Protein backbone atom coordinates (compact mmCIF):
# COMPACT_ATOMS: atom_id res chain seq x y z
CA UNK A 1 -0.02 -0.03 -0.03
CA UNK A 2 1.49 3.32 -0.97
CA UNK A 3 1.89 6.33 1.32
CA UNK A 4 -0.84 8.27 -0.52
CA UNK A 5 -3.24 5.31 -0.04
CA UNK A 6 -2.27 5.04 3.75
CA UNK A 7 -2.95 8.71 4.00
CA UNK A 8 -6.31 8.42 2.26
CA UNK A 9 -7.24 5.50 4.34
CA UNK A 10 -6.28 7.23 7.66
CA UNK A 11 -8.21 10.23 6.52
CA UNK A 12 -11.22 8.30 5.90
CA UNK A 13 -10.74 6.56 9.29
CA UNK A 14 -10.51 10.04 10.94
CA UNK A 15 -13.61 11.21 9.22
CA UNK A 16 -15.82 8.10 10.15
CA UNK A 17 -14.30 8.27 13.64
CA UNK A 18 -15.12 11.89 14.16
CA UNK A 19 -18.91 11.12 12.94
CA UNK A 20 -18.93 8.12 15.23
CA UNK A 21 -17.69 10.10 18.28
CA UNK A 22 -20.25 12.93 17.52
CA UNK A 23 -23.01 10.38 17.71
CA UNK A 24 -21.74 8.88 20.78
CA UNK A 25 -21.30 12.25 22.62
CA UNK A 26 -24.70 13.52 21.41
CA UNK A 27 -26.40 10.12 22.61
CA UNK A 28 -24.46 10.21 25.94
CA UNK A 29 -25.42 13.88 26.27
CA UNK A 30 -28.85 13.28 25.72
CA UNK A 31 -28.94 10.10 27.92
CA UNK A 32 -27.23 12.14 30.89
CA UNK A 33 -29.87 14.82 30.70
CA UNK A 34 -32.61 12.29 30.53
CA UNK A 35 -31.24 10.01 33.54
CA UNK A 36 -30.86 13.04 35.65
CA UNK A 37 -34.58 13.38 35.91
CA UNK A 38 -35.04 9.84 37.12
CA UNK A 39 -32.05 8.96 39.33
CA UNK A 40 -30.01 10.79 42.02
CA UNK A 41 -26.71 12.67 41.32
CA UNK A 42 -25.08 10.24 43.83
CA UNK A 43 -25.86 7.26 41.59
CA UNK A 44 -24.71 9.22 38.58
CA UNK A 45 -21.48 9.84 40.51
CA UNK A 46 -20.94 6.12 41.36
CA UNK A 47 -21.54 5.05 37.66
CA UNK A 48 -19.67 7.64 35.74
CA UNK A 49 -16.78 7.94 38.11
CA UNK A 50 -16.03 4.80 40.02
CA UNK A 51 -17.54 2.06 37.96
CA UNK A 52 -16.60 3.62 34.72
CA UNK A 53 -12.97 3.95 36.17
CA UNK A 54 -12.98 0.16 36.83
CA UNK A 55 -13.98 -0.69 33.32
CA UNK A 56 -11.71 1.69 31.68
CA UNK A 57 -8.81 0.71 33.80
CA UNK A 58 -9.32 -3.00 32.98
CA UNK A 59 -9.48 -2.62 29.29
CA UNK A 60 -6.86 -0.07 28.80
CA UNK A 61 -4.27 -1.87 30.88
CA UNK A 62 -5.22 -5.13 29.14
CA UNK A 63 -5.08 -4.07 25.49
CA UNK A 64 -3.60 -0.58 24.83
CA UNK A 65 0.14 -1.88 24.74
CA UNK A 66 -0.86 -4.57 22.34
CA UNK A 67 -2.72 -2.07 20.09
CA UNK A 68 0.25 0.21 19.88
CA UNK A 69 2.73 -2.36 19.24
CA UNK A 70 0.84 -4.48 16.71
CA UNK A 71 -0.30 -1.49 14.72
CA UNK A 72 3.15 -0.13 14.58
CA UNK A 73 5.07 -0.02 11.10
CA UNK A 74 5.95 -3.42 10.06
CA UNK A 75 3.13 -5.24 11.79
CA UNK A 76 1.90 -7.95 9.49
CA UNK A 77 4.72 -7.27 7.04
CA UNK A 78 7.95 -7.93 8.86
CA UNK A 79 5.93 -9.91 11.37
CA UNK A 80 3.73 -12.89 10.62
CA UNK A 81 0.05 -12.13 11.20
CA UNK A 82 -0.10 -15.62 12.88
CA UNK A 83 2.40 -14.38 15.60
CA UNK A 84 0.41 -11.15 15.90
CA UNK A 85 -2.95 -12.89 16.44
CA UNK A 86 -1.30 -15.14 19.10
CA UNK A 87 0.18 -12.24 21.13
CA UNK A 88 -3.16 -10.28 20.89
CA UNK A 89 -4.99 -13.28 22.51
CA UNK A 90 -2.86 -12.58 25.56
CA UNK A 91 -5.17 -9.71 26.30
CA UNK A 92 -7.80 -12.03 27.44
CA UNK A 93 -6.02 -13.75 30.33
CA UNK A 94 -4.40 -10.46 31.19
CA UNK A 95 -7.81 -9.05 31.29
CA UNK A 96 -9.06 -11.68 33.66
CA UNK A 97 -6.09 -11.15 36.00
CA UNK A 98 -6.74 -7.44 35.94
CA UNK A 99 -10.51 -7.96 36.60
CA UNK A 100 -9.91 -10.26 39.67
CA UNK A 101 -7.48 -7.74 41.12
CA UNK A 102 -9.72 -4.67 40.45
CA UNK A 103 -12.85 -6.20 41.74
CA UNK A 104 -11.18 -7.12 45.03
CA UNK A 105 -9.90 -3.46 45.41
CA UNK A 106 -13.31 -1.99 44.53
CA UNK A 107 -15.33 -4.16 46.90
CA UNK A 108 -13.03 -4.40 49.97
CA UNK A 109 -10.60 -1.40 49.97
CA UNK A 110 -12.78 1.54 48.74
CA UNK A 111 -15.58 3.18 50.53
CA UNK A 112 -18.91 1.55 49.86
CA UNK A 113 -21.92 3.87 48.93
CA UNK A 114 -24.88 4.04 51.01
CA UNK A 115 -27.25 1.23 49.69
CA UNK A 116 -30.20 3.20 50.36
CA UNK A 117 -29.10 5.87 47.88
CA UNK A 118 -26.96 3.62 45.63
CA UNK A 119 -28.32 0.09 45.59
CA UNK A 120 -26.60 -3.05 44.33
CA UNK A 121 -23.14 -1.73 44.40
CA UNK A 122 -21.38 -5.16 44.76
CA UNK A 123 -23.00 -7.08 42.00
CA UNK A 124 -22.62 -3.95 39.70
CA UNK A 125 -18.64 -3.98 40.28
CA UNK A 126 -18.48 -7.73 39.12
CA UNK A 127 -20.88 -6.97 36.17
CA UNK A 128 -18.69 -4.01 34.97
CA UNK A 129 -15.51 -6.04 35.25
CA UNK A 130 -17.30 -9.00 33.30
CA UNK A 131 -18.27 -6.40 30.59
CA UNK A 132 -14.58 -5.40 30.13
CA UNK A 133 -13.37 -8.94 29.79
CA UNK A 134 -16.23 -9.61 27.39
CA UNK A 135 -15.01 -6.67 25.13
CA UNK A 136 -11.50 -8.14 25.06
CA UNK A 137 -12.82 -11.15 23.26
CA UNK A 138 -13.07 -8.93 19.97
CA UNK A 139 -9.35 -7.42 20.40
CA UNK A 140 -7.77 -9.48 17.64
CA UNK A 141 -10.57 -8.55 15.30
CA UNK A 142 -10.36 -4.90 16.25
CA UNK A 143 -6.70 -4.87 15.38
CA UNK A 144 -7.11 -6.73 12.25
CA UNK A 145 -9.74 -4.23 11.24
CA UNK A 146 -7.74 -1.25 11.94
CA UNK A 147 -4.62 -2.54 10.39
CA UNK A 148 -6.52 -3.19 7.14
CA UNK A 149 -8.40 -0.06 7.30
CA UNK A 150 -11.99 -1.59 7.63
CA UNK A 151 -13.32 1.86 8.50
CA UNK A 152 -16.96 1.07 8.12
CA UNK A 153 -16.93 -1.99 10.40
CA UNK A 154 -15.96 0.09 13.35
CA UNK A 155 -18.69 2.71 12.70
CA UNK A 156 -21.39 0.03 12.28
CA UNK A 157 -20.32 -2.08 15.33
CA UNK A 158 -19.93 0.79 17.68
CA UNK A 159 -23.14 2.53 16.43
CA UNK A 160 -25.36 -0.51 17.06
CA UNK A 161 -23.64 -1.18 20.37
CA UNK A 162 -24.27 2.41 21.61
CA UNK A 163 -27.92 2.33 20.33
CA UNK A 164 -28.56 -0.90 22.27
CA UNK A 165 -26.91 0.57 25.40
CA UNK A 166 -29.02 3.74 25.24
CA UNK A 167 -32.20 1.72 24.61
CA UNK A 168 -31.63 -0.56 27.61
CA UNK A 169 -30.88 2.40 29.77
CA UNK A 170 -33.96 4.43 28.82
CA UNK A 171 -36.21 1.48 29.15
CA UNK A 172 -35.05 0.46 32.51
CA UNK A 173 -34.65 3.94 34.06
CA UNK A 174 -38.36 4.54 33.37
CA UNK A 175 -39.83 1.15 34.07
CA UNK A 176 -37.63 -0.04 36.91
CA UNK A 177 -35.65 2.94 38.57
CA UNK A 178 -35.42 0.89 41.89
CA UNK A 179 -33.02 -1.52 40.22
CA UNK A 180 -30.21 1.04 40.68
CA UNK A 181 -26.85 0.10 39.43
CA UNK A 182 -28.25 -3.15 37.85
CA UNK A 183 -29.77 -0.70 35.03
CA UNK A 184 -26.25 0.57 34.03
CA UNK A 185 -24.53 -2.82 34.41
CA UNK A 186 -26.98 -4.47 32.20
CA UNK A 187 -26.60 -1.64 29.50
CA UNK A 188 -22.87 -1.83 29.72
CA UNK A 189 -22.89 -5.70 29.08
CA UNK A 190 -25.18 -5.10 26.18
CA UNK A 191 -22.82 -2.60 24.66
CA UNK A 192 -19.73 -4.83 24.91
CA UNK A 193 -21.80 -7.93 23.72
CA UNK A 194 -22.90 -6.06 20.57
CA UNK A 195 -19.32 -5.07 19.88
CA UNK A 196 -18.03 -8.72 20.04
CA UNK A 197 -21.13 -9.98 18.13
CA UNK A 198 -20.63 -7.38 15.25
CA UNK A 199 -16.96 -8.03 14.77
CA UNK A 200 -17.43 -11.87 14.96
CA UNK A 201 -20.08 -12.03 12.43
CA UNK A 202 -18.23 -9.63 10.03
CA UNK A 203 -15.10 -11.71 9.93
CA UNK A 204 -17.12 -15.04 9.72
CA UNK A 205 -18.62 -13.80 6.58
CA UNK A 206 -15.52 -11.97 5.31
CA UNK A 207 -12.79 -14.59 5.61
CA UNK A 208 -12.57 -16.80 2.60
CA UNK A 209 -14.82 -14.61 0.52
CA UNK A 210 -14.00 -13.13 -2.82
CA UNK A 211 -13.49 -9.75 -1.32
CA UNK A 212 -10.96 -11.01 1.02
CA UNK A 213 -9.02 -12.79 -1.68
CA UNK A 214 -9.18 -9.60 -3.95
CA UNK A 215 -7.57 -7.52 -0.92
CA UNK A 216 -5.02 -10.38 -0.31
CA UNK A 217 -6.21 -10.67 3.24
CA UNK A 218 -3.49 -12.76 5.17
CA UNK A 219 -6.00 -14.96 6.98
CA UNK A 220 -8.32 -17.41 5.17
CA UNK A 221 -10.44 -19.42 7.55
CA UNK A 222 -12.23 -18.55 10.98
CA UNK A 223 -9.70 -20.93 12.56
CA UNK A 224 -6.85 -18.56 11.72
CA UNK A 225 -8.36 -16.21 14.22
CA UNK A 226 -7.54 -18.48 17.11
CA UNK A 227 -4.13 -18.88 18.66
CA UNK A 228 -2.06 -21.74 17.24
CA UNK A 229 1.55 -22.44 16.52
CA UNK A 230 2.72 -22.06 12.64
CA UNK A 231 5.31 -24.56 11.48
CA UNK A 232 8.85 -23.26 11.50
CA UNK A 233 8.37 -20.08 13.73
CA UNK A 234 8.03 -19.29 17.30
CA UNK A 235 4.66 -18.66 19.02
CA UNK A 236 4.99 -15.10 19.12
CA UNK A 237 7.46 -12.50 17.65
CA UNK A 238 9.68 -11.62 20.59
CA UNK A 239 10.61 -8.38 18.98
CA UNK A 240 6.99 -7.36 18.99
CA UNK A 241 6.49 -8.79 22.45
CA UNK A 242 9.39 -6.65 23.92
CA UNK A 243 7.87 -3.46 22.19
CA UNK A 244 4.50 -4.40 23.73
CA UNK A 245 6.14 -4.69 27.20
CA UNK A 246 7.57 -1.16 26.80
CA UNK A 247 4.28 0.21 25.62
CA UNK A 248 2.71 -1.71 28.61
CA UNK A 249 4.81 0.09 31.21
CA UNK A 250 4.04 3.38 29.41
CA UNK A 251 0.22 2.61 29.21
CA UNK A 252 0.06 2.18 33.01
CA UNK A 253 1.54 5.72 33.41
CA UNK A 254 -0.74 7.02 30.70
CA UNK A 255 -3.77 5.75 32.37
CA UNK A 256 -3.00 7.43 35.60
CA UNK A 257 -2.47 10.67 33.63
CA UNK A 258 -5.81 10.24 31.69
CA UNK A 259 -8.01 9.21 34.45
CA UNK A 260 -5.98 10.82 37.35
CA UNK A 261 -8.85 12.87 38.65
CA UNK A 262 -11.00 9.87 38.83
CA UNK A 263 -8.28 7.91 40.75
CA UNK A 264 -8.06 10.83 43.15
CA UNK A 265 -11.79 11.14 43.67
CA UNK A 266 -12.05 7.24 44.02
CA UNK A 267 -9.14 6.63 46.31
CA UNK A 268 -8.73 9.87 48.37
CA UNK A 269 -12.39 10.77 48.78
CA UNK A 270 -11.82 14.46 48.31
CA UNK A 271 -15.43 14.90 46.88
CA UNK A 272 -18.76 13.21 47.90
CA UNK A 273 -20.56 10.98 45.38
CA UNK A 274 -22.82 13.70 44.71
CA UNK A 275 -20.19 16.27 43.90
CA UNK A 276 -18.36 13.55 41.76
CA UNK A 277 -21.62 13.20 39.77
CA UNK A 278 -21.80 17.11 39.22
CA UNK A 279 -18.08 17.23 38.45
CA UNK A 280 -18.33 14.33 35.89
CA UNK A 281 -21.28 15.68 34.10
CA UNK A 282 -19.65 19.05 33.58
CA UNK A 283 -16.39 17.26 32.58
CA UNK A 284 -18.25 15.15 29.94
CA UNK A 285 -19.93 18.34 28.69
CA UNK A 286 -16.67 20.14 28.50
CA UNK A 287 -14.85 17.30 26.81
CA UNK A 288 -17.37 16.60 24.01
CA UNK A 289 -15.61 18.31 21.40
CA UNK A 290 -12.20 17.05 22.46
CA UNK A 291 -13.39 13.58 22.44
CA UNK A 292 -15.42 13.51 19.26
CA UNK A 293 -12.74 15.45 17.20
CA UNK A 294 -9.38 15.34 18.62
CA UNK A 295 -9.37 11.66 19.92
CA UNK A 296 -10.42 10.08 16.46
CA UNK A 297 -7.85 12.37 14.61
CA UNK A 298 -5.19 11.06 17.11
CA UNK A 299 -6.06 7.54 16.73
CA UNK A 300 -6.38 7.41 12.96
CA UNK A 301 -3.18 9.49 12.24
CA UNK A 302 -1.19 7.55 14.68
CA UNK A 303 -1.84 4.59 12.30
CA UNK A 304 -0.75 6.84 9.37
CA UNK A 305 2.41 7.97 11.04
CA UNK A 306 3.27 4.36 12.31
CA UNK A 307 2.87 2.93 8.76
CA UNK A 308 4.80 5.86 7.01
CA UNK A 309 7.80 6.52 9.31
CA UNK A 310 10.26 3.95 10.23
CA UNK A 311 10.52 3.77 14.01
CA UNK A 312 13.66 4.81 15.63
CA UNK A 313 15.45 5.89 12.54
CA UNK A 314 16.71 9.44 11.64
CA UNK A 315 14.91 11.53 8.91
CA UNK A 316 17.94 11.33 6.46
CA UNK A 317 17.82 7.52 6.41
CA UNK A 318 14.15 7.14 5.60
CA UNK A 319 12.44 7.73 2.25
CA UNK A 320 12.33 11.45 1.68
CA UNK A 321 9.05 11.44 0.01
CA UNK A 322 7.17 9.66 2.75
CA UNK A 323 8.92 11.82 5.38
CA UNK A 324 7.70 14.99 3.49
CA UNK A 325 4.25 13.83 3.38
CA UNK A 326 4.37 12.98 7.19
CA UNK A 327 5.83 16.36 7.99
CA UNK A 328 3.15 18.30 5.73
CA UNK A 329 0.32 16.18 7.48
CA UNK A 330 1.76 16.86 10.89
CA UNK A 331 1.96 20.60 10.23
CA UNK A 332 -1.68 20.84 9.02
CA UNK A 333 -2.98 18.76 11.82
CA UNK A 334 -1.21 21.06 14.31
CA UNK A 335 -2.90 23.97 12.74
CA UNK A 336 -6.33 22.35 12.61
CA UNK A 337 -6.49 21.31 16.32
CA UNK A 338 -5.00 24.67 17.35
CA UNK A 339 -7.61 26.70 15.51
CA UNK A 340 -10.44 24.43 16.75
CA UNK A 341 -9.08 24.57 20.37
CA UNK A 342 -8.70 28.41 20.44
CA UNK A 343 -12.26 28.77 19.10
CA UNK A 344 -13.60 26.57 21.82
CA UNK A 345 -11.44 28.36 24.59
CA UNK A 346 -12.87 31.82 23.45
CA UNK A 347 -16.57 30.94 23.14
CA UNK A 348 -16.66 28.39 25.98
CA UNK A 349 -15.85 31.07 28.35
CA UNK A 350 -18.70 33.22 27.51
CA UNK A 351 -21.40 30.49 27.05
CA UNK A 352 -20.54 28.03 29.89
CA UNK A 353 -23.30 29.30 32.32
CA UNK A 354 -25.86 29.33 29.71
CA UNK A 355 -24.94 25.82 28.46
CA UNK A 356 -25.23 24.31 31.97
CA UNK A 357 -28.65 26.16 32.67
CA UNK A 358 -30.16 24.76 29.70
CA UNK A 359 -28.73 21.14 30.05
CA UNK A 360 -29.21 20.47 33.77
CA UNK A 361 -30.95 23.55 35.33
CA UNK A 362 -30.00 25.28 38.45
CA UNK A 363 -28.28 21.97 39.83
CA UNK A 364 -25.54 22.44 37.29
CA UNK A 365 -25.58 26.27 36.60
CA UNK A 366 -25.41 27.26 40.25
CA UNK A 367 -22.26 26.89 42.34
CA UNK A 368 -18.99 25.88 40.73
CA UNK A 369 -20.47 24.37 37.48
CA UNK A 370 -19.91 27.43 35.23
CA UNK A 371 -16.28 28.05 36.60
CA UNK A 372 -15.66 24.39 36.10
CA UNK A 373 -16.86 24.52 32.37
CA UNK A 374 -14.86 27.76 31.70
CA UNK A 375 -11.77 26.14 32.90
CA UNK A 376 -12.21 23.03 30.93
CA UNK A 377 -12.70 25.24 27.75
CA UNK A 378 -9.14 26.37 28.06
CA UNK A 379 -7.88 22.90 28.99
CA UNK A 380 -9.40 21.74 25.76
CA UNK A 381 -6.71 23.79 23.89
CA UNK A 382 -4.11 21.77 25.54
CA UNK A 383 -5.72 18.51 24.93
CA UNK A 384 -5.92 19.37 21.29
CA UNK A 385 -2.25 20.07 20.84
CA UNK A 386 -1.11 17.22 22.99
CA UNK A 387 -3.02 14.68 21.09
CA UNK A 388 -1.49 15.24 17.76
CA UNK A 389 2.06 15.78 19.04
CA UNK A 390 1.99 12.50 21.07
CA UNK A 391 0.51 10.50 18.17
CA UNK A 392 3.49 11.63 16.05
CA UNK A 393 6.18 10.98 18.85
CA UNK A 394 4.79 7.56 19.77
CA UNK A 395 4.77 6.44 16.00
CA UNK A 396 8.56 7.62 15.58
CA UNK A 397 10.12 6.70 18.75
CA UNK A 398 12.36 3.71 19.05
CA UNK A 399 11.84 1.08 21.71
CA UNK A 400 14.72 2.61 23.73
CA UNK A 401 13.27 6.10 23.44
CA UNK A 402 9.89 4.63 24.61
CA UNK A 403 11.53 3.14 27.57
CA UNK A 404 13.17 6.51 28.49
CA UNK A 405 9.83 8.33 28.09
CA UNK A 406 8.41 5.92 30.55
CA UNK A 407 10.63 7.64 33.22
CA UNK A 408 9.16 11.05 32.12
CA UNK A 409 5.64 9.76 32.43
CA UNK A 410 6.30 8.37 35.88
CA UNK A 411 7.56 11.69 37.10
CA UNK A 412 4.56 13.38 35.45
CA UNK A 413 2.04 10.69 37.14
CA UNK A 414 3.45 11.20 40.56
CA UNK A 415 3.38 15.04 40.15
CA UNK A 416 -0.12 14.92 38.85
CA UNK A 417 -1.39 12.87 41.62
CA UNK A 418 0.22 15.26 44.22
CA UNK A 419 -0.96 18.36 42.51
CA UNK A 420 -4.52 17.03 42.11
CA UNK A 421 -4.77 16.21 45.82
CA UNK A 422 -3.39 19.69 46.96
CA UNK A 423 -5.30 21.84 44.33
CA UNK A 424 -8.47 20.09 44.95
CA UNK A 425 -8.46 20.77 48.68
CA UNK A 426 -7.71 24.48 47.62
CA UNK A 427 -10.16 24.88 44.84
CA UNK A 428 -12.51 22.02 44.78
CA UNK A 429 -13.15 20.36 41.36
CA UNK A 430 -11.43 23.13 39.52
CA UNK A 431 -8.12 21.99 41.07
CA UNK A 432 -8.49 18.75 38.94
CA UNK A 433 -8.59 20.90 35.88
CA UNK A 434 -5.61 23.05 36.92
CA UNK A 435 -3.48 19.91 37.75
CA UNK A 436 -4.48 18.39 34.31
CA UNK A 437 -3.33 21.68 32.50
CA UNK A 438 0.18 21.72 34.19
CA UNK A 439 0.80 18.16 33.43
CA UNK A 440 -0.47 18.37 29.78
CA UNK A 441 1.62 21.44 29.28
CA UNK A 442 4.74 19.60 30.45
CA UNK A 443 3.83 16.68 28.04
CA UNK A 444 3.44 19.01 25.06
CA UNK A 445 6.75 20.51 25.91
CA UNK A 446 8.47 17.11 25.80
CA UNK A 447 6.68 16.23 22.47
CA UNK A 448 7.51 19.61 20.87
CA UNK A 449 11.30 19.28 21.93
CA UNK A 450 11.26 15.72 20.23
CA UNK A 451 9.63 16.84 17.02
CA UNK A 452 12.12 19.82 16.85
CA UNK A 453 15.22 17.41 17.18
CA UNK A 454 13.62 14.99 14.76
CA UNK A 455 13.29 17.44 11.94
CA UNK A 456 16.29 19.66 12.99
CA UNK A 457 18.61 18.79 10.20
CA UNK A 458 15.90 18.59 7.50
CA UNK A 459 14.24 21.04 5.31
CA UNK A 460 10.78 20.62 7.08
CA UNK A 461 9.57 22.62 9.86
CA UNK A 462 6.10 21.14 10.95
CA UNK A 463 5.94 23.11 14.19
CA UNK A 464 4.97 26.09 12.14
CA UNK A 465 1.59 24.71 12.33
CA UNK A 466 1.35 26.24 15.80
CA UNK A 467 1.60 29.83 14.52
CA UNK A 468 -1.95 30.99 13.51
CA UNK A 469 -2.15 34.08 11.33
CA UNK A 470 -2.25 37.44 13.14
CA UNK A 471 -5.63 38.31 11.53
CA UNK A 472 -7.19 35.32 13.02
CA UNK A 473 -5.68 36.02 16.46
CA UNK A 474 -7.15 39.47 16.20
CA UNK A 475 -10.62 38.12 15.22
CA UNK A 476 -10.49 35.68 18.21
CA UNK A 477 -9.54 38.45 20.63
CA UNK A 478 -12.32 40.71 19.48
CA UNK A 479 -14.81 37.72 19.84
CA UNK A 480 -13.43 37.15 23.40
CA UNK A 481 -14.13 40.55 24.58
CA UNK A 482 -17.51 41.03 22.77
CA UNK A 483 -19.00 37.78 23.96
CA UNK A 484 -17.83 38.28 27.59
CA UNK A 485 -19.54 41.72 27.66
CA UNK A 486 -22.63 40.17 26.13
CA UNK A 487 -22.68 37.53 28.74
CA UNK A 488 -22.48 40.16 31.59
CA UNK A 489 -25.26 42.27 30.12
CA UNK A 490 -27.82 39.77 28.54
CA UNK A 491 -27.28 36.36 30.28
CA UNK A 492 -28.67 34.44 32.04
CA UNK A 493 -31.32 35.54 34.57
CA UNK A 494 -33.48 37.99 32.58
CA UNK A 495 -35.54 35.58 30.22
CA UNK A 496 -35.15 33.71 26.99
CA UNK A 497 -35.36 36.87 24.86
CA UNK A 498 -31.93 38.28 26.17
CA UNK A 499 -30.48 34.87 26.19
CA UNK A 500 -31.23 34.66 22.44
CA UNK A 501 -29.55 38.07 21.89
CA UNK A 502 -26.51 36.71 23.58
CA UNK A 503 -26.58 33.67 21.41
CA UNK A 504 -26.98 35.83 18.24
CA UNK A 505 -24.10 38.00 19.25
CA UNK A 506 -21.90 34.79 19.71
CA UNK A 507 -23.07 33.51 16.26
CA UNK A 508 -22.15 36.70 14.51
CA UNK A 509 -18.62 36.53 16.28
CA UNK A 510 -18.14 32.84 15.33
CA UNK A 511 -19.07 33.58 11.83
CA UNK A 512 -16.29 36.51 11.69
CA UNK A 513 -13.67 33.94 12.97
CA UNK A 514 -14.70 31.50 10.24
CA UNK A 515 -14.22 34.14 7.73
CA UNK A 516 -10.84 34.98 9.17
CA UNK A 517 -9.95 31.20 8.91
CA UNK A 518 -11.18 30.99 5.23
CA UNK A 519 -9.17 34.10 4.09
CA UNK A 520 -5.82 33.59 5.99
CA UNK A 521 -5.50 29.61 6.44
CA UNK A 522 -5.81 28.54 2.94
CA UNK A 523 -3.50 25.64 3.10
CA UNK A 524 -5.42 24.34 6.14
CA UNK A 525 -8.72 24.52 4.36
CA UNK A 526 -7.12 22.74 1.34
CA UNK A 527 -5.98 19.89 3.69
CA UNK A 528 -9.45 19.57 5.44
CA UNK A 529 -11.29 19.40 2.04
CA UNK A 530 -9.07 16.92 0.36
CA UNK A 531 -8.18 14.86 3.24
CA UNK A 532 -10.86 15.00 5.93
CA UNK A 533 -14.09 15.53 4.03
CA UNK A 534 -15.14 12.41 2.05
CA UNK A 535 -17.05 14.07 -0.71
CA UNK A 536 -14.08 16.49 -1.64
CA UNK A 537 -11.51 13.73 -1.02
CA UNK A 538 -13.25 11.65 -3.70
CA UNK A 539 -13.14 14.40 -6.26
CA UNK A 540 -9.50 15.16 -5.50
CA UNK A 541 -8.65 11.56 -5.94
C-alpha cells in the first residue's frame, strides 16, 4: 500500500471516527440529561466515576500496549500475522487477571456507597468487570480491522452497540428505577456484547470470501483467528513482544494521567459521590468536542504515522517522499487542532453558564459548575495540541526512546496525583482541571522538543503549524471581549429573549472567526477539504 493510499485511508478513518464520536457524545449527552430526571446525582457519580473507572482501567491496561505495538510500522509485514494474532490473544488472560485484582480493590478497599441511595453496588462492580473482559474477546478482530482500514466496520459495530446500550438504559430507568446500578450494568454488558457480536459476524462472513481474496487478506479461515503455532516459527514474535512490554509500562502511566482525577476522587475521597456526579457531568460536557474530534484524529493519524515512518530511524535514512508527506500532514494537523482549540476556549468562556443552565437547570448552573466548564474550555486547547504531538512522537520513537519516556511519564504521574490532591483541597473540582493543565503542558513541551530534534537537520518545519495568522488571532481576541461583555449584560437571569440576543451575538462573532480562517488559512482549508471531507476527497482523488 502506497503512502498516499495510507494517508487516504487514515483520513477516511478519521472522518468516520469523528462522525462516530459525534453520535456517541450526542447520545451520551442526551442520555445523561434524561437520566438526571430519574436517578440521584449520587448514583450518577458512582456509575460515571467509580464503575466507569473500573471498566476503563481494566480494558486500557489489558489492550492498549498490544494495540500500539501491533499497529506499529511493520506489523503484518516484517511480522507474521499468525504471531500477531497469538500475541493479541494474551489480552484475554491479562484482562481476567486485572478484573480479579480490581474487583477485590473496588469491593474491599474502597468506601462502599450508602445502599439506600446507591443500591446493588457489589453486583455492579462484578458485572462492569465482566463487561470489560467480554470486550477483550474482540481485540484480535479490532486490530485486524484497524490494520487493514476496515473503516465502516468500526462505525457500524460501535453505533449498534451504543444504540443498544442507550435503549436498555432508557427503558429500565423509566420502568424500573429501583433497580439502581443493575440498570447501568445491564446496559454496559449489552454494549460490549454487541461489539463482540458485530466483529465476530463480520469476519465469519468476510474470511474466505472473494472480497478477502481480492484484498489479499493474510487470513483465510475462521480458525486462523484463534491462537495456534505455525510450522517453523515461534509462537509469538519476541521483538514485538518486547515492544508491547515497553508500551505496557507506558500505558500504565498514561492511564494514571488520563484518568487521574477519577483515581484521586475514588481513592482519596476528596469529593462526595454527589459532587463527583456534578463534576463528571460538567467534565463530559466540556470534553465533548475534545473526544469526538481530537481523539479520532489522534487514533487515525497515529496509524498513518506508524505506517509511513520507520520507528527509531533518523529522517535522512528514511524515504524522503514519505517523510515529506508526514511532515506536511503533521503541520496541517497542528494548525487544525490549534484553531479548533482556540475557538472552543474563546466561546466556551462566554457560554458556559448558559449551556449548563439549559442542560441541567440550577443544579449545574449554580455553584462551581460554570467555573468548571470555563476552565475546561481552556484545557481543551492543551488537549488538542497534545493529542497530535504525542501521536506523532509515539509513532516515531524507538523502543529505547519509549523506555526513556516511561521515566518521564512516571514523574508526571506522581506530580499529577500530588498536584490534584493539593489543588482539589484548595479549589475543589477546579483543582483537578488546573492539575491537568500543568501536566498536559509538560507533556506538550516534551513532544515539541522531540519533534524539533527529529526534523532539526531537515528542510521540514512542521511546528510552524502552531503559529496561526495575526488576523485570526485578532478576530479571536475581539470575539472574546464582545462575547464576555454580552454575557454580563444579557445572560442568564433575564429571560429567554435576552438569552437569544446573547446567542445571536456569539453566532455573529463565530461567523467572523470562520471568515478569518477562510481568508488566512488557505492551506489548512485545502487539507481539510482533500483529506478529511469524504465528498471532496473523492473528487480530489
